[in-house]
Amino acid sequence: MIANLLRLIADVYALVLIARVVVSWLPVDPDSTAIRYLYQITEPVLAPIRRVLPVLGGFDFSPLVALLLLEWIKILVVG
């Protein structure tokens, strides 16, 4: 039961991270409430990764690293 809940939370957060990546490619209003909320819930995870992993060739790989870490944690914790 708890394992399924943790898996669901991890999967939803992965979708939120993917949404942030897609939104970064689109010409959207950064002052939009939805966009601000999306950045508020993903930035606490992405900012520390960005401090360790610099932008390479103009690409920000922090969402990819976050997704990989999330999957790794999901495998370790949930099984």
C-alpha atoms as a PDB file:
ATOM      1  CA  MET A   1       0.000   0.000   0.000  1.00  0.00           C
ATOM      2  CA  ILE A   2       2.653   2.548   1.022  1.00  0.00           C
ATOM      3  CA  ALA A   3       4.960   1.309  -1.742  1.00  0.00           C
ATOM      4  CA  ASN A   4       2.239   1.968  -4.313  1.00  0.00           C
ATOM      5  CA  LEU A   5       1.641   5.443  -2.915  1.00  0.00           C
ATOM      6  CA  LEU A   6       5.354   6.274  -3.081  1.00  0.00           C
ATOM      7  CA  ARG A   7       5.518   4.955  -6.634  1.00  0.00           C
ATOM      8  CA  LEU A   8       2.512   7.106  -7.580  1.00  0.00           C
ATOM      9  CA  ILE A   9       4.064  10.221  -6.033  1.00  0.00           C
ATOM     10  CA  ALA A  10       7.346   9.565  -7.847  1.00  0.00           C
ATOM     11  CA  ASP A  11       5.553   9.006 -11.150  1.00  0.00           C
ATOM     12  CA  VAL A  12       3.495  12.187 -10.791  1.00  0.00           C
ATOM     13  CA  TYR A  13       6.592  14.213  -9.930  1.00  0.00           C
ATOM     14  CA  ALA A  14       8.356  12.749 -12.976  1.00  0.00           C
ATOM     15  CA  LEU A  15       5.473  13.971 -15.131  1.00  0.00           C
ATOM     16  CA  VAL A  16       5.747  17.411 -13.528  1.00  0.00           C
ATOM     17  CA  LEU A  17       9.474  17.487 -14.362  1.00  0.00           C
ATOM     18  CA  ILE A  18       8.718  16.504 -17.952  1.00  0.00           C
ATOM     19  CA  ALA A  19       6.054  19.215 -18.133  1.00  0.00           C
ATOM     20  CA  ARG A  20       8.629  21.751 -16.968  1.00  0.00           C
ATOM     21  CA  VAL A  21      10.997  20.670 -19.741  1.00  0.00           C
ATOM     22  CA  VAL A  22       8.276  20.939 -22.388  1.00  0.00           C
ATOM     23  CA  VAL A  23       7.161  24.342 -21.085  1.00  0.00           C
ATOM     24  CA  SER A  24      10.746  25.594 -21.276  1.00  0.00           C
ATOM     25  CA  TRP A  25      10.666  24.989 -25.031  1.00  0.00           C
ATOM     26  CA  LEU A  26       7.413  26.899 -25.588  1.00  0.00           C
ATOM     27  CA  PRO A  27       6.775  30.640 -25.748  1.00  0.00           C
ATOM     28  CA  VAL A  28       4.691  30.883 -22.580  1.00  0.00           C
ATOM     29  CA  ASP A  29       4.086  33.749 -20.191  1.00  0.00           C
ATOM     30  CA  PRO A  30       6.440  33.166 -17.219  1.00  0.00           C
ATOM     31  CA  ASP A  31       4.091  35.200 -15.023  1.00  0.00           C
ATOM     32  CA  SER A  32       1.249  32.750 -15.581  1.00  0.00           C
ATOM     33  CA  THR A  33       0.028  31.196 -12.348  1.00  0.00           C
ATOM     34  CA  ALA A  34       0.378  27.652 -13.696  1.00  0.00           C
ATOM     35  CA  ILE A  35       3.912  28.261 -14.945  1.00  0.00           C
ATOM     36  CA  ARG A  36       4.994  29.893 -11.683  1.00  0.00           C
ATOM     37  CA  TYR A  37       3.555  26.956  -9.737  1.00  0.00           C
ATOM     38  CA  LEU A  38       5.324  24.483 -12.016  1.00  0.00           C
ATOM     39  CA  TYR A  39       8.638  26.240 -11.394  1.00  0.00           C
ATOM     40  CA  GLN A  40       8.005  26.476  -7.644  1.00  0.00           C
ATOM     41  CA  ILE A  41       7.519  22.735  -7.248  1.00  0.00           C
ATOM     42  CA  THR A  42      10.428  21.705  -9.480  1.00  0.00           C
ATOM     43  CA  GLU A  43      13.086  24.289  -8.658  1.00  0.00           C
ATOM     44  CA  PRO A  44      13.878  22.897  -5.162  1.00  0.00           C
ATOM     45  CA  VAL A  45      15.001  19.673  -6.850  1.00  0.00           C
ATOM     46  CA  LEU A  46      16.616  21.148  -9.960  1.00  0.00           C
ATOM     47  CA  ALA A  47      18.588  24.012  -8.361  1.00  0.00           C
ATOM     48  CA  PRO A  48      20.925  21.814  -6.279  1.00  0.00           C
ATOM     49  CA  ILE A  49      21.590  19.609  -9.309  1.00  0.00           C
ATOM     50  CA  ARG A  50      22.371  22.706 -11.387  1.00  0.00           C
ATOM     51  CA  ARG A  51      24.890  23.862  -8.784  1.00  0.00           C
ATOM     52  CA  VAL A  52      26.790  20.579  -9.183  1.00  0.00           C
ATOM     53  CA  LEU A  53      26.200  19.984 -12.891  1.00  0.00           C
ATOM     54  CA  PRO A  54      26.940  23.024 -15.040  1.00  0.00           C
ATOM     55  CA  VAL A  55      25.043  23.820 -18.225  1.00  0.00           C
ATOM     56  CA  LEU A  56      26.825  22.004 -21.047  1.00  0.00           C
ATOM     57  CA  GLY A  57      26.720  23.394 -24.553  1.00  0.00           C
ATOM     58  CA  GLY A  58      23.709  25.542 -23.735  1.00  0.00           C
ATOM     59  CA  PHE A  59      21.695  22.571 -22.486  1.00  0.00           C
ATOM     60  CA  ASP A  60      20.434  22.172 -18.940  1.00  0.00           C
ATOM     61  CA  PHE A  61      20.681  18.495 -18.060  1.00  0.00           C
ATOM     62  CA  SER A  62      19.354  18.921 -14.511  1.00  0.00           C
ATOM     63  CA  PRO A  63      15.840  17.604 -15.359  1.00  0.00           C
ATOM     64  CA  LEU A  64      17.370  14.487 -16.916  1.00  0.00           C
ATOM     65  CA  VAL A  65      19.566  13.922 -13.857  1.00  0.00           C
ATOM     66  CA  ALA A  66      16.566  14.520 -11.584  1.00  0.00           C
ATOM     67  CA  LEU A  67      14.504  11.953 -13.500  1.00  0.00           C
ATOM     68  CA  LEU A  68      17.311   9.405 -13.316  1.00  0.00           C
ATOM     69  CA  LEU A  69      17.762  10.017  -9.588  1.00  0.00           C
ATOM     70  CA  LEU A  70      14.025   9.746  -9.051  1.00  0.00           C
ATOM     71  CA  GLU A  71      13.938   6.378 -10.826  1.00  0.00           C
ATOM     72  CA  TRP A  72      16.961   5.174  -8.881  1.00  0.00           C
ATOM     73  CA  ILE A  73      15.384   6.191  -5.569  1.00  0.00           C
ATOM     74  CA  LYS A  74      12.111   4.572  -6.618  1.00  0.00           C
ATOM     75  CA  ILE A  75      13.910   1.303  -7.321  1.00  0.00           C
ATOM     76  CA  LEU A  76      15.803   1.427  -4.014  1.00  0.00           C
ATOM     77  CA  VAL A  77      12.885   2.434  -1.820  1.00  0.00           C
ATOM     78  CA  VAL A  78       9.885   0.876  -3.497  1.00  0.00           C
ATOM     79  CA  GLY A  79      11.554  -2.084  -5.140  1.00  0.00           C
END
